[in-house]
Amino acid sequence: MDIQAHKLEFLSEYLRVNDETILLKLSNLLRQERQKRVKDKLKPMTQEELSSKLKRAENDILEGNVMNQEEIEAFFKKRP
């Protein structure tokens, strides 16, 4: 069974649940699992990495390599 079939099966079961306690438990479980995945992907930076990023950002500002809010919004509106 592929992931889409699993999703459909789960959704079908979920829609049949009439107990709010069970729905809250399922929602909490899903939220906790998402938080774990995000936490697993995060990696703390060393002081040297942070300093390097800060220097690059400051250089970008000095060189004018920045975008304002309108430019950013326009950029993302163009993307598919």
N, C-alpha and C. Protein backbone atom coordinates (compact mmCIF):
# COMPACT_ATOMS: atom_id res chain seq x y z
N MET A 1 0.85 -1.17 0.00
CA MET A 1 0.00 0.00 0.00
C MET A 1 0.90 1.24 0.00
N ASP A 2 0.62 2.18 -0.90
CA ASP A 2 1.43 3.40 -0.97
C ASP A 2 0.92 4.45 0.02
N ILE A 3 1.63 5.53 0.12
CA ILE A 3 1.31 6.55 1.14
C ILE A 3 -0.05 7.18 0.90
N GLN A 4 -0.42 7.38 -0.36
CA GLN A 4 -1.73 7.98 -0.64
C GLN A 4 -2.86 7.05 -0.18
N ALA A 5 -2.69 5.77 -0.38
CA ALA A 5 -3.70 4.81 0.07
C ALA A 5 -3.79 4.81 1.59
N HIS A 6 -2.64 4.91 2.27
CA HIS A 6 -2.63 4.98 3.73
C HIS A 6 -3.37 6.23 4.21
N LYS A 7 -3.10 7.36 3.55
CA LYS A 7 -3.76 8.61 3.92
C LYS A 7 -5.27 8.49 3.78
N LEU A 8 -5.71 7.94 2.66
CA LEU A 8 -7.15 7.79 2.43
C LEU A 8 -7.79 6.86 3.46
N GLU A 9 -7.11 5.78 3.77
CA GLU A 9 -7.63 4.84 4.76
C GLU A 9 -7.72 5.51 6.13
N PHE A 10 -6.65 6.24 6.50
CA PHE A 10 -6.64 6.93 7.79
C PHE A 10 -7.73 7.99 7.84
N LEU A 11 -7.85 8.76 6.78
CA LEU A 11 -8.86 9.82 6.73
C LEU A 11 -10.27 9.23 6.86
N SER A 12 -10.50 8.13 6.21
CA SER A 12 -11.79 7.46 6.29
C SER A 12 -12.10 7.07 7.74
N GLU A 13 -11.12 6.49 8.42
CA GLU A 13 -11.30 6.11 9.83
C GLU A 13 -11.48 7.35 10.71
N TYR A 14 -10.67 8.37 10.45
CA TYR A 14 -10.71 9.61 11.23
C TYR A 14 -12.09 10.25 11.16
N LEU A 15 -12.67 10.26 9.97
CA LEU A 15 -13.98 10.89 9.79
C LEU A 15 -15.09 10.14 10.51
N ARG A 16 -14.87 8.89 10.83
CA ARG A 16 -15.88 8.09 11.53
C ARG A 16 -15.80 8.24 13.05
N VAL A 17 -14.73 8.86 13.55
CA VAL A 17 -14.55 9.02 15.00
C VAL A 17 -15.51 10.10 15.51
N ASN A 18 -16.25 9.76 16.56
CA ASN A 18 -17.18 10.71 17.16
C ASN A 18 -16.80 11.09 18.59
N ASP A 19 -15.65 10.64 19.02
CA ASP A 19 -15.19 10.90 20.38
C ASP A 19 -14.14 12.01 20.34
N GLU A 20 -14.47 13.16 20.95
CA GLU A 20 -13.56 14.30 20.91
C GLU A 20 -12.21 13.99 21.57
N THR A 21 -12.21 13.18 22.60
CA THR A 21 -10.97 12.81 23.28
C THR A 21 -10.02 12.10 22.32
N ILE A 22 -10.55 11.20 21.53
CA ILE A 22 -9.73 10.48 20.55
C ILE A 22 -9.21 11.44 19.49
N LEU A 23 -10.06 12.35 19.02
CA LEU A 23 -9.63 13.33 18.02
C LEU A 23 -8.51 14.22 18.56
N LEU A 24 -8.63 14.64 19.82
CA LEU A 24 -7.58 15.45 20.43
C LEU A 24 -6.27 14.68 20.56
N LYS A 25 -6.37 13.41 20.93
CA LYS A 25 -5.17 12.58 21.04
C LYS A 25 -4.49 12.42 19.67
N LEU A 26 -5.28 12.18 18.65
CA LEU A 26 -4.70 12.05 17.30
C LEU A 26 -4.05 13.35 16.85
N SER A 27 -4.72 14.47 17.10
CA SER A 27 -4.16 15.78 16.73
C SER A 27 -2.86 16.04 17.47
N ASN A 28 -2.85 15.74 18.76
CA ASN A 28 -1.63 15.94 19.57
C ASN A 28 -0.50 15.05 19.08
N LEU A 29 -0.82 13.81 18.76
CA LEU A 29 0.21 12.89 18.26
C LEU A 29 0.81 13.41 16.96
N LEU A 30 -0.04 13.86 16.07
CA LEU A 30 0.44 14.39 14.80
C LEU A 30 1.33 15.61 15.02
N ARG A 31 0.92 16.52 15.90
CA ARG A 31 1.70 17.72 16.20
C ARG A 31 3.05 17.34 16.80
N GLN A 32 3.05 16.40 17.74
CA GLN A 32 4.30 15.97 18.37
C GLN A 32 5.26 15.36 17.36
N GLU A 33 4.74 14.53 16.47
CA GLU A 33 5.60 13.90 15.46
C GLU A 33 6.18 14.93 14.51
N ARG A 34 5.38 15.93 14.13
CA ARG A 34 5.90 16.99 13.26
C ARG A 34 7.01 17.76 13.97
N GLN A 35 6.80 18.07 15.25
CA GLN A 35 7.80 18.81 16.01
C GLN A 35 9.10 18.01 16.13
N LYS A 36 8.99 16.69 16.31
CA LYS A 36 10.18 15.85 16.38
C LYS A 36 10.97 15.91 15.08
N ARG A 37 10.26 15.84 13.96
CA ARG A 37 10.94 15.87 12.66
C ARG A 37 11.65 17.19 12.45
N VAL A 38 11.01 18.29 12.83
CA VAL A 38 11.65 19.60 12.69
C VAL A 38 12.87 19.67 13.58
N LYS A 39 12.72 19.21 14.82
CA LYS A 39 13.84 19.25 15.77
C LYS A 39 15.01 18.41 15.28
N ASP A 40 14.72 17.24 14.68
CA ASP A 40 15.78 16.37 14.18
C ASP A 40 16.56 17.03 13.04
N LYS A 41 15.90 17.92 12.28
CA LYS A 41 16.56 18.57 11.15
C LYS A 41 17.39 19.79 11.57
N LEU A 42 17.10 20.32 12.75
CA LEU A 42 17.83 21.49 13.22
C LEU A 42 19.22 21.11 13.71
N LYS A 43 20.19 21.92 13.35
CA LYS A 43 21.55 21.68 13.79
C LYS A 43 22.11 23.00 14.32
N PRO A 44 22.56 23.02 15.55
CA PRO A 44 23.08 24.27 16.09
C PRO A 44 24.32 24.73 15.32
N MET A 45 24.45 26.04 15.17
CA MET A 45 25.61 26.60 14.50
C MET A 45 26.73 26.84 15.50
N THR A 46 27.93 26.73 15.01
CA THR A 46 29.07 27.10 15.84
C THR A 46 29.17 28.63 15.84
N GLN A 47 29.93 29.16 16.75
CA GLN A 47 30.13 30.62 16.80
C GLN A 47 30.77 31.11 15.51
N GLU A 48 31.68 30.31 14.95
CA GLU A 48 32.34 30.69 13.70
C GLU A 48 31.35 30.74 12.54
N GLU A 49 30.45 29.75 12.47
CA GLU A 49 29.45 29.74 11.40
C GLU A 49 28.52 30.95 11.52
N LEU A 50 28.10 31.26 12.73
CA LEU A 50 27.23 32.40 12.95
C LEU A 50 27.92 33.70 12.58
N SER A 51 29.17 33.84 12.98
CA SER A 51 29.94 35.05 12.64
C SER A 51 30.10 35.19 11.13
N SER A 52 30.37 34.08 10.46
CA SER A 52 30.53 34.10 9.01
C SER A 52 29.24 34.53 8.31
N LYS A 53 28.11 33.99 8.74
CA LYS A 53 26.83 34.37 8.15
C LYS A 53 26.53 35.84 8.40
N LEU A 54 26.85 36.32 9.58
CA LEU A 54 26.63 37.72 9.90
C LEU A 54 27.47 38.62 9.01
N LYS A 55 28.73 38.27 8.80
CA LYS A 55 29.60 39.06 7.94
C LYS A 55 29.09 39.09 6.50
N ARG A 56 28.64 37.93 6.00
CA ARG A 56 28.08 37.87 4.64
C ARG A 56 26.83 38.74 4.53
N ALA A 57 25.98 38.70 5.55
CA ALA A 57 24.76 39.50 5.53
C ALA A 57 25.09 40.99 5.55
N GLU A 58 26.04 41.37 6.37
CA GLU A 58 26.44 42.78 6.43
C GLU A 58 27.03 43.23 5.10
N ASN A 59 27.84 42.37 4.46
CA ASN A 59 28.39 42.71 3.14
C ASN A 59 27.29 42.84 2.10
N ASP A 60 26.31 41.96 2.13
CA ASP A 60 25.18 42.06 1.20
C ASP A 60 24.47 43.39 1.35
N ILE A 61 24.27 43.83 2.59
CA ILE A 61 23.61 45.11 2.83
C ILE A 61 24.45 46.25 2.28
N LEU A 62 25.74 46.23 2.55
CA LEU A 62 26.63 47.29 2.06
C LEU A 62 26.69 47.35 0.54
N GLU A 63 26.60 46.17 -0.11
CA GLU A 63 26.68 46.10 -1.57
C GLU A 63 25.31 46.27 -2.23
N GLY A 64 24.28 46.42 -1.44
CA GLY A 64 22.95 46.61 -1.99
C GLY A 64 22.28 45.33 -2.46
N ASN A 65 22.78 44.20 -2.04
CA ASN A 65 22.18 42.91 -2.42
C ASN A 65 21.03 42.58 -1.47
N VAL A 66 20.01 43.41 -1.50
CA VAL A 66 18.85 43.22 -0.63
C VAL A 66 17.57 43.46 -1.45
N MET A 67 16.46 42.98 -0.92
CA MET A 67 15.16 43.18 -1.56
C MET A 67 14.21 43.79 -0.53
N ASN A 68 13.32 44.67 -1.01
CA ASN A 68 12.32 45.20 -0.09
C ASN A 68 11.10 44.29 -0.09
N GLN A 69 10.14 44.59 0.76
CA GLN A 69 8.96 43.74 0.92
C GLN A 69 8.20 43.55 -0.39
N GLU A 70 8.02 44.62 -1.16
CA GLU A 70 7.28 44.53 -2.41
C GLU A 70 8.00 43.62 -3.42
N GLU A 71 9.31 43.73 -3.48
CA GLU A 71 10.09 42.88 -4.39
C GLU A 71 9.99 41.41 -4.01
N ILE A 72 10.02 41.14 -2.75
CA ILE A 72 9.90 39.75 -2.27
C ILE A 72 8.52 39.19 -2.61
N GLU A 73 7.48 39.98 -2.35
CA GLU A 73 6.13 39.53 -2.65
C GLU A 73 5.97 39.27 -4.15
N ALA A 74 6.50 40.16 -4.98
CA ALA A 74 6.41 39.99 -6.43
C ALA A 74 7.15 38.73 -6.87
N PHE A 75 8.30 38.48 -6.28
CA PHE A 75 9.09 37.29 -6.61
C PHE A 75 8.29 36.02 -6.34
N PHE A 76 7.65 35.94 -5.18
CA PHE A 76 6.93 34.73 -4.82
C PHE A 76 5.60 34.60 -5.56
N LYS A 77 5.04 35.69 -6.02
CA LYS A 77 3.81 35.62 -6.82
C LYS A 77 4.11 35.05 -8.20
N LYS A 78 5.29 35.26 -8.71
CA LYS A 78 5.68 34.75 -10.03
C LYS A 78 5.92 33.24 -10.02
N ARG A 79 6.28 32.71 -8.89
CA ARG A 79 6.62 31.27 -8.81
C ARG A 79 5.38 30.42 -8.95
N PRO A 80 5.54 29.26 -9.61
CA PRO A 80 4.39 28.37 -9.78
C PRO A 80 3.96 27.71 -8.49
